[in-house]
Amino acid sequence: MPAVRLWKSLMAVVVCLGLAGCFRSGVDALKESDRLISEGEYEAALEPLKIAVQTLPKTPQTWNYLGIALQGSGKLNNAKTAYGKALKLNSNFSAAYYNLGTVYLDLKDFQRAILAFKRYSEKEPNDPNGWLKMGSALLQSRNFNEAEDAFKRVIRLTLQHPEASNGLGVIRLYQGSAKEAETQFLDALNIQSDYQPALLNLAIVYHKYLDRPRWAIAKYREYLEMTPRPSNYEQVQQVVRQLESENPTTGAVMPLPDLDPQPETPTKSLPQQDLASTNRNPKQNSITNTLIALKDLKKKFFRG
């Protein structure tokens, strides 16, 4: 018996030496993983989670944190499995539904994402995050009516929300109303003047749908001057150069809302959306910016 106890002690030392630090209990390991996740150190969080999984396998939060760390590390299928284990242990664990939905969004599995966010919102109806993510998934699955309802729910809960207004603008554009889309994008910018997706979408509406090239140039320039620099900076810069060569002017011509509106251009084809997902636990009550990016910007705007 003493030999067995000595062997177990030696094994504990080996486990400790193999990790970033030693933990007195699985709870300590779970707390450390929580701290690392909150700092965005997902890979590092996997180390204490090895201990937490071994010592607290029946605790849903263990698997939820493991899912977050795996998702943040890019291991989406493993994260999906971890969230599933959390929900198997507790089918009412709302945070795991939310996080599972974000994995499905990352995987472009919009129907399963919608189901996960619906389950989350049934349990947390007053959290705008769930409705916002559900609206994003519905929008990408082209379910415009339900997406609109979800975004409007966000606005009712928050009174104003740039991502929800931006989403409503994209819906209006798909429905063929560029003027209403313009209004929604302007609303989003009135709420948050540096909200990049709405500014880019507004520039595109002026450029491609309302035939206001100088207004488009002004908004594209604003977008290019934003900090941090947009990821598609070079693409948009080329669009601006082409527009400026076709519409020479001196100085920036800013949009003037009191001018007579131009006739709308019928909507023929629309940009795809890539709505960013979150890797964070909803208990932090953080909302990741929903980026209505334009994947085919280069294809649509470059002409040789």
C-alpha atoms as a PDB file:
ATOM      1  CA  MET A   1       0.000   0.000   0.000  1.00  0.00           C
ATOM      2  CA  PRO A   2       2.737   2.561   0.839  1.00  0.00           C
ATOM      3  CA  ALA A   3       4.349   1.796  -2.511  1.00  0.00           C
ATOM      4  CA  VAL A   4       1.053   2.534  -4.298  1.00  0.00           C
ATOM      5  CA  ARG A   5       0.692   5.866  -2.491  1.00  0.00           C
ATOM      6  CA  LEU A   6       4.294   6.762  -3.355  1.00  0.00           C
ATOM      7  CA  TRP A   7       3.675   5.930  -7.018  1.00  0.00           C
ATOM      8  CA  LYS A   8       0.566   8.137  -7.097  1.00  0.00           C
ATOM      9  CA  SER A   9       2.537  10.997  -5.527  1.00  0.00           C
ATOM     10  CA  LEU A  10       5.269  10.632  -8.115  1.00  0.00           C
ATOM     11  CA  MET A  11       2.695  10.633 -10.899  1.00  0.00           C
ATOM     12  CA  ALA A  12       1.172  13.840  -9.516  1.00  0.00           C
ATOM     13  CA  VAL A  13       4.604  15.470  -9.616  1.00  0.00           C
ATOM     14  CA  VAL A  14       5.084  14.335 -13.214  1.00  0.00           C
ATOM     15  CA  VAL A  15       1.698  15.801 -14.193  1.00  0.00           C
ATOM     16  CA  CYS A  16       2.622  19.071 -12.477  1.00  0.00           C
ATOM     17  CA  LEU A  17       5.969  19.288 -14.223  1.00  0.00           C
ATOM     18  CA  GLY A  18       4.291  18.653 -17.563  1.00  0.00           C
ATOM     19  CA  LEU A  19       1.983  21.667 -17.242  1.00  0.00           C
ATOM     20  CA  ALA A  20       2.542  25.391 -17.000  1.00  0.00           C
ATOM     21  CA  GLY A  21       1.836  25.301 -13.264  1.00  0.00           C
ATOM     22  CA  CYS A  22       0.580  23.078 -10.464  1.00  0.00           C
ATOM     23  CA  PHE A  23      -2.989  23.292  -9.194  1.00  0.00           C
ATOM     24  CA  ARG A  24      -4.238  22.187  -5.802  1.00  0.00           C
ATOM     25  CA  SER A  25      -7.557  21.123  -7.325  1.00  0.00           C
ATOM     26  CA  GLY A  26      -9.575  20.921 -10.513  1.00  0.00           C
ATOM     27  CA  VAL A  27     -11.374  24.063  -9.397  1.00  0.00           C
ATOM     28  CA  ASP A  28      -8.066  25.940  -9.361  1.00  0.00           C
ATOM     29  CA  ALA A  29      -7.302  24.628 -12.842  1.00  0.00           C
ATOM     30  CA  LEU A  30     -10.723  25.734 -14.037  1.00  0.00           C
ATOM     31  CA  LYS A  31     -10.199  29.212 -12.574  1.00  0.00           C
ATOM     32  CA  GLU A  32      -6.842  29.473 -14.304  1.00  0.00           C
ATOM     33  CA  SER A  33      -8.368  28.435 -17.623  1.00  0.00           C
ATOM     34  CA  ASP A  34     -11.081  31.065 -17.131  1.00  0.00           C
ATOM     35  CA  ARG A  35      -8.428  33.727 -16.602  1.00  0.00           C
ATOM     36  CA  LEU A  36      -6.469  32.691 -19.684  1.00  0.00           C
ATOM     37  CA  ILE A  37      -9.594  32.557 -21.849  1.00  0.00           C
ATOM     38  CA  SER A  38     -10.616  36.046 -20.726  1.00  0.00           C
ATOM     39  CA  GLU A  39      -7.188  37.260 -21.887  1.00  0.00           C
ATOM     40  CA  GLY A  40      -7.543  35.492 -25.232  1.00  0.00           C
ATOM     41  CA  GLU A  41      -4.825  32.946 -24.422  1.00  0.00           C
ATOM     42  CA  TYR A  42      -6.725  29.978 -25.793  1.00  0.00           C
ATOM     43  CA  GLU A  43      -3.794  27.657 -26.455  1.00  0.00           C
ATOM     44  CA  ALA A  44      -2.413  28.261 -22.964  1.00  0.00           C
ATOM     45  CA  ALA A  45      -5.847  27.603 -21.450  1.00  0.00           C
ATOM     46  CA  LEU A  46      -5.794  24.063 -22.841  1.00  0.00           C
ATOM     47  CA  GLU A  47      -3.074  23.100 -20.359  1.00  0.00           C
ATOM     48  CA  PRO A  48      -4.987  23.671 -17.081  1.00  0.00           C
ATOM     49  CA  LEU A  49      -8.098  22.319 -18.785  1.00  0.00           C
ATOM     50  CA  LYS A  50      -6.375  18.942 -19.070  1.00  0.00           C
ATOM     51  CA  ILE A  51      -6.414  18.808 -15.267  1.00  0.00           C
ATOM     52  CA  ALA A  52      -9.972  20.141 -15.064  1.00  0.00           C
ATOM     53  CA  VAL A  53     -11.252  17.480 -17.455  1.00  0.00           C
ATOM     54  CA  GLN A  54      -9.568  14.745 -15.432  1.00  0.00           C
ATOM     55  CA  THR A  55     -10.782  15.967 -12.043  1.00  0.00           C
ATOM     56  CA  LEU A  56     -14.130  17.608 -12.905  1.00  0.00           C
ATOM     57  CA  PRO A  57     -15.520  15.544 -15.807  1.00  0.00           C
ATOM     58  CA  LYS A  58     -19.110  15.842 -14.537  1.00  0.00           C
ATOM     59  CA  THR A  59     -19.046  19.645 -14.427  1.00  0.00           C
ATOM     60  CA  PRO A  60     -20.652  21.227 -17.528  1.00  0.00           C
ATOM     61  CA  GLN A  61     -18.533  24.374 -17.228  1.00  0.00           C
ATOM     62  CA  THR A  62     -15.390  22.269 -17.622  1.00  0.00           C
ATOM     63  CA  TRP A  63     -16.481  21.174 -21.087  1.00  0.00           C
ATOM     64  CA  ASN A  64     -17.800  24.631 -21.926  1.00  0.00           C
ATOM     65  CA  TYR A  65     -14.416  26.203 -21.163  1.00  0.00           C
ATOM     66  CA  LEU A  66     -12.692  23.434 -23.089  1.00  0.00           C
ATOM     67  CA  GLY A  67     -14.931  24.204 -26.059  1.00  0.00           C
ATOM     68  CA  ILE A  68     -14.070  27.914 -25.884  1.00  0.00           C
ATOM     69  CA  ALA A  69     -10.336  27.186 -25.723  1.00  0.00           C
ATOM     70  CA  LEU A  70     -10.548  24.718 -28.606  1.00  0.00           C
ATOM     71  CA  GLN A  71     -12.636  27.097 -30.702  1.00  0.00           C
ATOM     72  CA  GLY A  72     -10.226  29.948 -30.028  1.00  0.00           C
ATOM     73  CA  SER A  73      -7.396  27.664 -31.129  1.00  0.00           C
ATOM     74  CA  GLY A  74      -9.154  26.895 -34.403  1.00  0.00           C
ATOM     75  CA  LYS A  75     -10.162  23.333 -33.492  1.00  0.00           C
ATOM     76  CA  LEU A  76     -13.815  23.782 -34.391  1.00  0.00           C
ATOM     77  CA  ASN A  77     -14.961  20.159 -34.586  1.00  0.00           C
ATOM     78  CA  ASN A  78     -13.362  19.368 -31.233  1.00  0.00           C
ATOM     79  CA  ALA A  79     -15.001  22.461 -29.768  1.00  0.00           C
ATOM     80  CA  LYS A  80     -18.362  21.289 -31.075  1.00  0.00           C
ATOM     81  CA  THR A  81     -17.866  17.958 -29.310  1.00  0.00           C
ATOM     82  CA  ALA A  82     -16.919  19.680 -26.045  1.00  0.00           C
ATOM     83  CA  TYR A  83     -20.025  21.892 -26.075  1.00  0.00           C
ATOM     84  CA  GLY A  84     -22.116  18.806 -26.815  1.00  0.00           C
ATOM     85  CA  LYS A  85     -20.718  17.105 -23.697  1.00  0.00           C
ATOM     86  CA  ALA A  86     -21.560  20.155 -21.605  1.00  0.00           C
ATOM     87  CA  LEU A  87     -25.153  20.056 -22.851  1.00  0.00           C
ATOM     88  CA  LYS A  88     -25.383  16.310 -22.295  1.00  0.00           C
ATOM     89  CA  LEU A  89     -24.516  16.925 -18.645  1.00  0.00           C
ATOM     90  CA  ASN A  90     -26.943  19.851 -18.378  1.00  0.00           C
ATOM     91  CA  SER A  91     -29.476  20.443 -21.141  1.00  0.00           C
ATOM     92  CA  ASN A  92     -30.370  23.803 -19.584  1.00  0.00           C
ATOM     93  CA  PHE A  93     -26.821  25.172 -19.744  1.00  0.00           C
ATOM     94  CA  SER A  94     -27.578  28.219 -21.889  1.00  0.00           C
ATOM     95  CA  ALA A  95     -23.962  29.386 -22.365  1.00  0.00           C
ATOM     96  CA  ALA A  96     -23.090  26.146 -24.150  1.00  0.00           C
ATOM     97  CA  TYR A  97     -25.980  26.642 -26.603  1.00  0.00           C
ATOM     98  CA  TYR A  98     -24.680  30.109 -27.428  1.00  0.00           C
ATOM     99  CA  ASN A  99     -21.108  28.939 -27.885  1.00  0.00           C
ATOM    100  CA  LEU A 100     -22.215  25.937 -29.940  1.00  0.00           C
ATOM    101  CA  GLY A 101     -24.103  28.329 -32.199  1.00  0.00           C
ATOM    102  CA  THR A 102     -20.948  30.361 -32.797  1.00  0.00           C
ATOM    103  CA  VAL A 103     -19.089  27.193 -33.829  1.00  0.00           C
ATOM    104  CA  TYR A 104     -21.790  26.386 -36.357  1.00  0.00           C
ATOM    105  CA  LEU A 105     -21.520  29.963 -37.655  1.00  0.00           C
ATOM    106  CA  ASP A 106     -17.766  29.481 -38.084  1.00  0.00           C
ATOM    107  CA  LEU A 107     -18.470  26.226 -39.931  1.00  0.00           C
ATOM    108  CA  LYS A 108     -21.090  27.950 -42.137  1.00  0.00           C
ATOM    109  CA  ASP A 109     -23.705  25.481 -40.877  1.00  0.00           C
ATOM    110  CA  PHE A 110     -26.373  28.146 -40.566  1.00  0.00           C
ATOM    111  CA  GLN A 111     -29.378  25.923 -39.913  1.00  0.00           C
ATOM    112  CA  ARG A 112     -27.757  24.291 -36.890  1.00  0.00           C
ATOM    113  CA  ALA A 113     -26.521  27.698 -35.743  1.00  0.00           C
ATOM    114  CA  ILE A 114     -30.083  29.013 -35.873  1.00  0.00           C
ATOM    115  CA  LEU A 115     -31.340  26.090 -33.776  1.00  0.00           C
ATOM    116  CA  ALA A 116     -28.618  26.615 -31.172  1.00  0.00           C
ATOM    117  CA  PHE A 117     -29.306  30.344 -30.881  1.00  0.00           C
ATOM    118  CA  LYS A 118     -33.038  29.715 -30.668  1.00  0.00           C
ATOM    119  CA  ARG A 119     -32.450  27.381 -27.727  1.00  0.00           C
ATOM    120  CA  TYR A 120     -30.218  29.983 -26.132  1.00  0.00           C
ATOM    121  CA  SER A 121     -32.749  32.789 -26.649  1.00  0.00           C
ATOM    122  CA  GLU A 122     -35.556  30.661 -25.238  1.00  0.00           C
ATOM    123  CA  LYS A 123     -33.558  30.444 -22.024  1.00  0.00           C
ATOM    124  CA  GLU A 124     -32.087  33.970 -22.136  1.00  0.00           C
ATOM    125  CA  PRO A 125     -34.750  36.058 -23.909  1.00  0.00           C
ATOM    126  CA  ASN A 126     -33.427  39.376 -22.606  1.00  0.00           C
ATOM    127  CA  ASP A 127     -29.873  38.917 -23.868  1.00  0.00           C
ATOM    128  CA  PRO A 128     -29.457  40.837 -27.157  1.00  0.00           C
ATOM    129  CA  ASN A 129     -26.337  38.804 -28.006  1.00  0.00           C
ATOM    130  CA  GLY A 130     -28.361  35.685 -28.737  1.00  0.00           C
ATOM    131  CA  TRP A 131     -30.836  37.533 -30.955  1.00  0.00           C
ATOM    132  CA  LEU A 132     -28.007  39.297 -32.762  1.00  0.00           C
ATOM    133  CA  LYS A 133     -26.243  36.040 -33.573  1.00  0.00           C
ATOM    134  CA  MET A 134     -29.525  34.415 -34.566  1.00  0.00           C
ATOM    135  CA  GLY A 135     -30.203  37.326 -36.913  1.00  0.00           C
ATOM    136  CA  SER A 136     -26.747  36.878 -38.449  1.00  0.00           C
ATOM    137  CA  ALA A 137     -27.348  33.180 -39.070  1.00  0.00           C
ATOM    138  CA  LEU A 138     -30.832  33.813 -40.468  1.00  0.00           C
ATOM    139  CA  LEU A 139     -29.503  36.528 -42.759  1.00  0.00           C
ATOM    140  CA  GLN A 140     -26.794  34.280 -44.151  1.00  0.00           C
ATOM    141  CA  SER A 141     -29.373  31.553 -44.764  1.00  0.00           C
ATOM    142  CA  ARG A 142     -31.458  34.167 -46.674  1.00  0.00           C
ATOM    143  CA  ASN A 143     -34.345  33.955 -44.197  1.00  0.00           C
ATOM    144  CA  PHE A 144     -34.931  37.697 -44.332  1.00  0.00           C
ATOM    145  CA  ASN A 145     -38.239  37.954 -42.470  1.00  0.00           C
ATOM    146  CA  GLU A 146     -37.035  36.095 -39.399  1.00  0.00           C
ATOM    147  CA  ALA A 147     -33.655  37.850 -39.546  1.00  0.00           C
ATOM    148  CA  GLU A 148     -35.443  41.187 -39.510  1.00  0.00           C
ATOM    149  CA  ASP A 149     -37.487  40.116 -36.471  1.00  0.00           C
ATOM    150  CA  ALA A 150     -34.304  39.082 -34.649  1.00  0.00           C
ATOM    151  CA  PHE A 151     -32.473  42.343 -35.393  1.00  0.00           C
ATOM    152  CA  LYS A 152     -35.519  44.379 -34.340  1.00  0.00           C
ATOM    153  CA  ARG A 153     -35.600  42.399 -31.095  1.00  0.00           C
ATOM    154  CA  VAL A 154     -31.993  43.468 -30.486  1.00  0.00           C
ATOM    155  CA  ILE A 155     -32.954  47.103 -31.011  1.00  0.00           C
ATOM    156  CA  ARG A 156     -35.932  46.804 -28.638  1.00  0.00           C
ATOM    157  CA  LEU A 157     -33.649  45.389 -25.964  1.00  0.00           C
ATOM    158  CA  THR A 158     -30.823  47.897 -26.430  1.00  0.00           C
ATOM    159  CA  LEU A 159     -32.753  50.889 -27.865  1.00  0.00           C
ATOM    160  CA  GLN A 160     -29.998  51.284 -30.453  1.00  0.00           C
ATOM    161  CA  HIS A 161     -27.417  48.917 -31.824  1.00  0.00           C
ATOM    162  CA  PRO A 162     -25.063  49.485 -34.795  1.00  0.00           C
ATOM    163  CA  GLU A 163     -24.766  45.819 -35.754  1.00  0.00           C
ATOM    164  CA  ALA A 164     -28.527  45.300 -35.768  1.00  0.00           C
ATOM    165  CA  SER A 165     -29.104  48.454 -37.841  1.00  0.00           C
ATOM    166  CA  ASN A 166     -26.380  47.333 -40.241  1.00  0.00           C
ATOM    167  CA  GLY A 167     -28.028  43.926 -40.555  1.00  0.00           C
ATOM    168  CA  LEU A 168     -31.368  45.572 -41.313  1.00  0.00           C
ATOM    169  CA  GLY A 169     -29.629  47.617 -43.997  1.00  0.00           C
ATOM    170  CA  VAL A 170     -28.323  44.484 -45.694  1.00  0.00           C
ATOM    171  CA  ILE A 171     -31.827  42.993 -45.595  1.00  0.00           C
ATOM    172  CA  ARG A 172     -33.269  46.120 -47.222  1.00  0.00           C
ATOM    173  CA  LEU A 173     -30.636  45.894 -49.936  1.00  0.00           C
ATOM    174  CA  TYR A 174     -31.548  42.278 -50.650  1.00  0.00           C
ATOM    175  CA  GLN A 175     -35.196  43.292 -50.787  1.00  0.00           C
ATOM    176  CA  GLY A 176     -34.400  45.864 -53.468  1.00  0.00           C
ATOM    177  CA  SER A 177     -34.668  49.095 -51.477  1.00  0.00           C
ATOM    178  CA  ALA A 178     -31.322  50.879 -51.640  1.00  0.00           C
ATOM    179  CA  LYS A 179     -32.762  54.061 -50.086  1.00  0.00           C
ATOM    180  CA  GLU A 180     -34.016  52.196 -47.021  1.00  0.00           C
ATOM    181  CA  ALA A 181     -30.665  50.410 -46.823  1.00  0.00           C
ATOM    182  CA  GLU A 182     -28.951  53.796 -46.862  1.00  0.00           C
ATOM    183  CA  THR A 183     -31.120  54.940 -43.955  1.00  0.00           C
ATOM    184  CA  GLN A 184     -30.230  51.884 -41.880  1.00  0.00           C
ATOM    185  CA  PHE A 185     -26.497  52.234 -42.548  1.00  0.00           C
ATOM    186  CA  LEU A 186     -26.695  55.918 -41.583  1.00  0.00           C
ATOM    187  CA  ASP A 187     -28.528  54.922 -38.395  1.00  0.00           C
ATOM    188  CA  ALA A 188     -25.734  52.491 -37.551  1.00  0.00           C
ATOM    189  CA  LEU A 189     -23.135  55.236 -38.059  1.00  0.00           C
ATOM    190  CA  ASN A 190     -25.128  57.684 -35.959  1.00  0.00           C
ATOM    191  CA  ILE A 191     -24.946  55.151 -33.133  1.00  0.00           C
ATOM    192  CA  GLN A 192     -21.255  54.368 -33.675  1.00  0.00           C
ATOM    193  CA  SER A 193     -19.470  56.675 -36.082  1.00  0.00           C
ATOM    194  CA  ASP A 194     -16.452  54.385 -36.477  1.00  0.00           C
ATOM    195  CA  TYR A 195     -18.415  51.204 -37.213  1.00  0.00           C
ATOM    196  CA  GLN A 196     -16.506  49.940 -40.249  1.00  0.00           C
ATOM    197  CA  PRO A 197     -19.060  47.541 -41.799  1.00  0.00           C
ATOM    198  CA  ALA A 198     -21.797  50.191 -41.997  1.00  0.00           C
ATOM    199  CA  LEU A 199     -19.414  52.776 -43.471  1.00  0.00           C
ATOM    200  CA  LEU A 200     -18.232  50.382 -46.176  1.00  0.00           C
ATOM    201  CA  ASN A 201     -21.784  49.271 -46.935  1.00  0.00           C
ATOM    202  CA  LEU A 202     -22.913  52.893 -47.199  1.00  0.00           C
ATOM    203  CA  ALA A 203     -20.121  53.624 -49.669  1.00  0.00           C
ATOM    204  CA  ILE A 204     -21.135  50.601 -51.745  1.00  0.00           C
ATOM    205  CA  VAL A 205     -24.790  51.680 -51.773  1.00  0.00           C
ATOM    206  CA  TYR A 206     -23.775  55.099 -53.127  1.00  0.00           C
ATOM    207  CA  HIS A 207     -21.412  53.490 -55.624  1.00  0.00           C
ATOM    208  CA  LYS A 208     -23.378  50.531 -56.970  1.00  0.00           C
ATOM    209  CA  TYR A 209     -27.037  51.239 -56.236  1.00  0.00           C
ATOM    210  CA  LEU A 210     -27.768  54.988 -55.985  1.00  0.00           C
ATOM    211  CA  ASP A 211     -25.317  56.216 -58.649  1.00  0.00           C
ATOM    212  CA  ARG A 212     -23.650  58.803 -56.391  1.00  0.00           C
ATOM    213  CA  PRO A 213     -19.969  58.306 -57.219  1.00  0.00           C
ATOM    214  CA  ARG A 214     -18.676  61.405 -55.404  1.00  0.00           C
ATOM    215  CA  TRP A 215     -20.549  60.474 -52.241  1.00  0.00           C
ATOM    216  CA  ALA A 216     -19.154  56.968 -52.597  1.00  0.00           C
ATOM    217  CA  ILE A 217     -15.609  58.325 -52.942  1.00  0.00           C
ATOM    218  CA  ALA A 218     -16.025  60.375 -49.768  1.00  0.00           C
ATOM    219  CA  LYS A 219     -17.254  57.384 -47.759  1.00  0.00           C
ATOM    220  CA  TYR A 220     -14.623  55.051 -49.189  1.00  0.00           C
ATOM    221  CA  ARG A 221     -11.975  57.591 -48.153  1.00  0.00           C
ATOM    222  CA  GLU A 222     -13.385  57.731 -44.626  1.00  0.00           C
ATOM    223  CA  TYR A 223     -13.270  53.956 -44.518  1.00  0.00           C
ATOM    224  CA  LEU A 224      -9.635  53.850 -45.656  1.00  0.00           C
ATOM    225  CA  GLU A 225      -8.637  56.357 -42.963  1.00  0.00           C
ATOM    226  CA  MET A 226     -10.091  54.270 -40.143  1.00  0.00           C
ATOM    227  CA  THR A 227      -7.986  52.754 -37.368  1.00  0.00           C
ATOM    228  CA  PRO A 228      -7.217  49.918 -37.284  1.00  0.00           C
ATOM    229  CA  ARG A 229      -6.647  49.734 -41.018  1.00  0.00           C
ATOM    230  CA  PRO A 230      -9.346  47.619 -42.702  1.00  0.00           C
ATOM    231  CA  SER A 231      -8.248  44.155 -43.802  1.00  0.00           C
ATOM    232  CA  ASN A 232      -9.410  44.857 -47.374  1.00  0.00           C
ATOM    233  CA  TYR A 233      -7.607  48.214 -47.537  1.00  0.00           C
ATOM    234  CA  GLU A 234      -5.791  47.532 -50.818  1.00  0.00           C
ATOM    235  CA  GLN A 235      -8.937  46.348 -52.587  1.00  0.00           C
ATOM    236  CA  VAL A 236     -10.990  49.354 -51.527  1.00  0.00           C
ATOM    237  CA  GLN A 237      -8.130  51.711 -52.390  1.00  0.00           C
ATOM    238  CA  GLN A 238      -8.132  50.400 -55.963  1.00  0.00           C
ATOM    239  CA  VAL A 239     -11.896  50.921 -56.151  1.00  0.00           C
ATOM    240  CA  VAL A 240     -11.445  54.545 -55.046  1.00  0.00           C
ATOM    241  CA  ARG A 241      -8.718  55.155 -57.614  1.00  0.00           C
ATOM    242  CA  GLN A 242     -10.923  53.822 -60.375  1.00  0.00           C
ATOM    243  CA  LEU A 243     -13.876  55.930 -59.235  1.00  0.00           C
ATOM    244  CA  GLU A 244     -11.727  59.055 -58.997  1.00  0.00           C
ATOM    245  CA  SER A 245     -10.381  58.520 -62.495  1.00  0.00           C
ATOM    246  CA  GLU A 246     -13.948  58.244 -63.804  1.00  0.00           C
ATOM    247  CA  ASN A 247     -15.243  61.145 -61.702  1.00  0.00           C
ATOM    248  CA  PRO A 248     -12.489  63.762 -61.345  1.00  0.00           C
ATOM    249  CA  THR A 249     -13.068  66.347 -58.620  1.00  0.00           C
ATOM    250  CA  THR A 250     -11.071  68.562 -56.295  1.00  0.00           C
ATOM    251  CA  GLY A 251     -11.256  67.589 -52.651  1.00  0.00           C
ATOM    252  CA  ALA A 252     -13.660  65.251 -50.953  1.00  0.00           C
ATOM    253  CA  VAL A 253     -17.342  65.718 -51.670  1.00  0.00           C
ATOM    254  CA  MET A 254     -19.228  64.713 -48.546  1.00  0.00           C
ATOM    255  CA  PRO A 255     -22.792  63.369 -48.696  1.00  0.00           C
ATOM    256  CA  LEU A 256     -25.398  66.033 -48.041  1.00  0.00           C
ATOM    257  CA  PRO A 257     -28.604  64.509 -46.663  1.00  0.00           C
ATOM    258  CA  ASP A 258     -30.795  67.466 -47.705  1.00  0.00           C
ATOM    259  CA  LEU A 259     -30.103  67.017 -51.431  1.00  0.00           C
ATOM    260  CA  ASP A 260     -32.851  65.685 -53.658  1.00  0.00           C
ATOM    261  CA  PRO A 261     -32.637  61.874 -53.676  1.00  0.00           C
ATOM    262  CA  GLN A 262     -31.490  60.148 -56.827  1.00  0.00           C
ATOM    263  CA  PRO A 263     -33.625  57.425 -58.421  1.00  0.00           C
ATOM    264  CA  GLU A 264     -32.842  53.999 -57.060  1.00  0.00           C
ATOM    265  CA  THR A 265     -30.964  51.498 -59.152  1.00  0.00           C
ATOM    266  CA  PRO A 266     -32.717  48.104 -59.162  1.00  0.00           C
ATOM    267  CA  THR A 267     -30.877  45.531 -57.129  1.00  0.00           C
ATOM    268  CA  LYS A 268     -29.526  42.800 -59.387  1.00  0.00           C
ATOM    269  CA  SER A 269     -26.774  41.055 -57.504  1.00  0.00           C
ATOM    270  CA  LEU A 270     -25.642  41.581 -53.970  1.00  0.00           C
ATOM    271  CA  PRO A 271     -22.445  40.983 -52.029  1.00  0.00           C
ATOM    272  CA  GLN A 272     -22.045  37.966 -49.866  1.00  0.00           C
ATOM    273  CA  GLN A 273     -21.862  38.366 -46.107  1.00  0.00           C
ATOM    274  CA  ASP A 274     -19.256  37.019 -43.759  1.00  0.00           C
ATOM    275  CA  LEU A 275     -20.581  37.615 -40.274  1.00  0.00           C
ATOM    276  CA  ALA A 276     -17.889  37.306 -37.685  1.00  0.00           C
ATOM    277  CA  SER A 277     -18.440  34.971 -34.821  1.00  0.00           C
ATOM    278  CA  THR A 278     -17.329  35.078 -31.222  1.00  0.00           C
ATOM    279  CA  ASN A 279     -15.058  32.786 -29.274  1.00  0.00           C
ATOM    280  CA  ARG A 280     -15.939  34.258 -25.927  1.00  0.00           C
ATOM    281  CA  ASN A 281     -18.239  33.025 -23.215  1.00  0.00           C
ATOM    282  CA  PRO A 282     -21.526  34.963 -23.217  1.00  0.00           C
ATOM    283  CA  LYS A 283     -21.237  35.455 -19.471  1.00  0.00           C
ATOM    284  CA  GLN A 284     -18.732  38.179 -20.321  1.00  0.00           C
ATOM    285  CA  ASN A 285     -21.602  39.955 -22.111  1.00  0.00           C
ATOM    286  CA  SER A 286     -19.403  40.964 -25.014  1.00  0.00           C
ATOM    287  CA  ILE A 287     -20.569  41.403 -28.583  1.00  0.00           C
ATOM    288  CA  THR A 288     -18.163  40.683 -31.389  1.00  0.00           C
ATOM    289  CA  ASN A 289     -18.598  43.082 -34.298  1.00  0.00           C
ATOM    290  CA  THR A 290     -20.751  41.542 -36.996  1.00  0.00           C
ATOM    291  CA  LEU A 291     -18.742  42.300 -40.055  1.00  0.00           C
ATOM    292  CA  ILE A 292     -20.803  42.502 -43.219  1.00  0.00           C
ATOM    293  CA  ALA A 293     -17.737  42.108 -45.381  1.00  0.00           C
ATOM    294  CA  LEU A 294     -17.728  42.013 -49.163  1.00  0.00           C
ATOM    295  CA  LYS A 295     -15.889  38.884 -50.239  1.00  0.00           C
ATOM    296  CA  ASP A 296     -16.429  39.516 -53.929  1.00  0.00           C
ATOM    297  CA  LEU A 297     -15.469  43.209 -53.797  1.00  0.00           C
ATOM    298  CA  LYS A 298     -12.596  42.703 -56.198  1.00  0.00           C
ATOM    299  CA  LYS A 299     -14.646  40.602 -58.605  1.00  0.00           C
ATOM    300  CA  LYS A 300     -17.511  43.110 -58.762  1.00  0.00           C
ATOM    301  CA  PHE A 301     -15.574  46.360 -58.822  1.00  0.00           C
ATOM    302  CA  PHE A 302     -12.431  45.679 -60.805  1.00  0.00           C
ATOM    303  CA  ARG A 303     -12.787  46.008 -64.527  1.00  0.00           C
ATOM    304  CA  GLY A 304      -9.440  44.958 -65.963  1.00  0.00           C
END
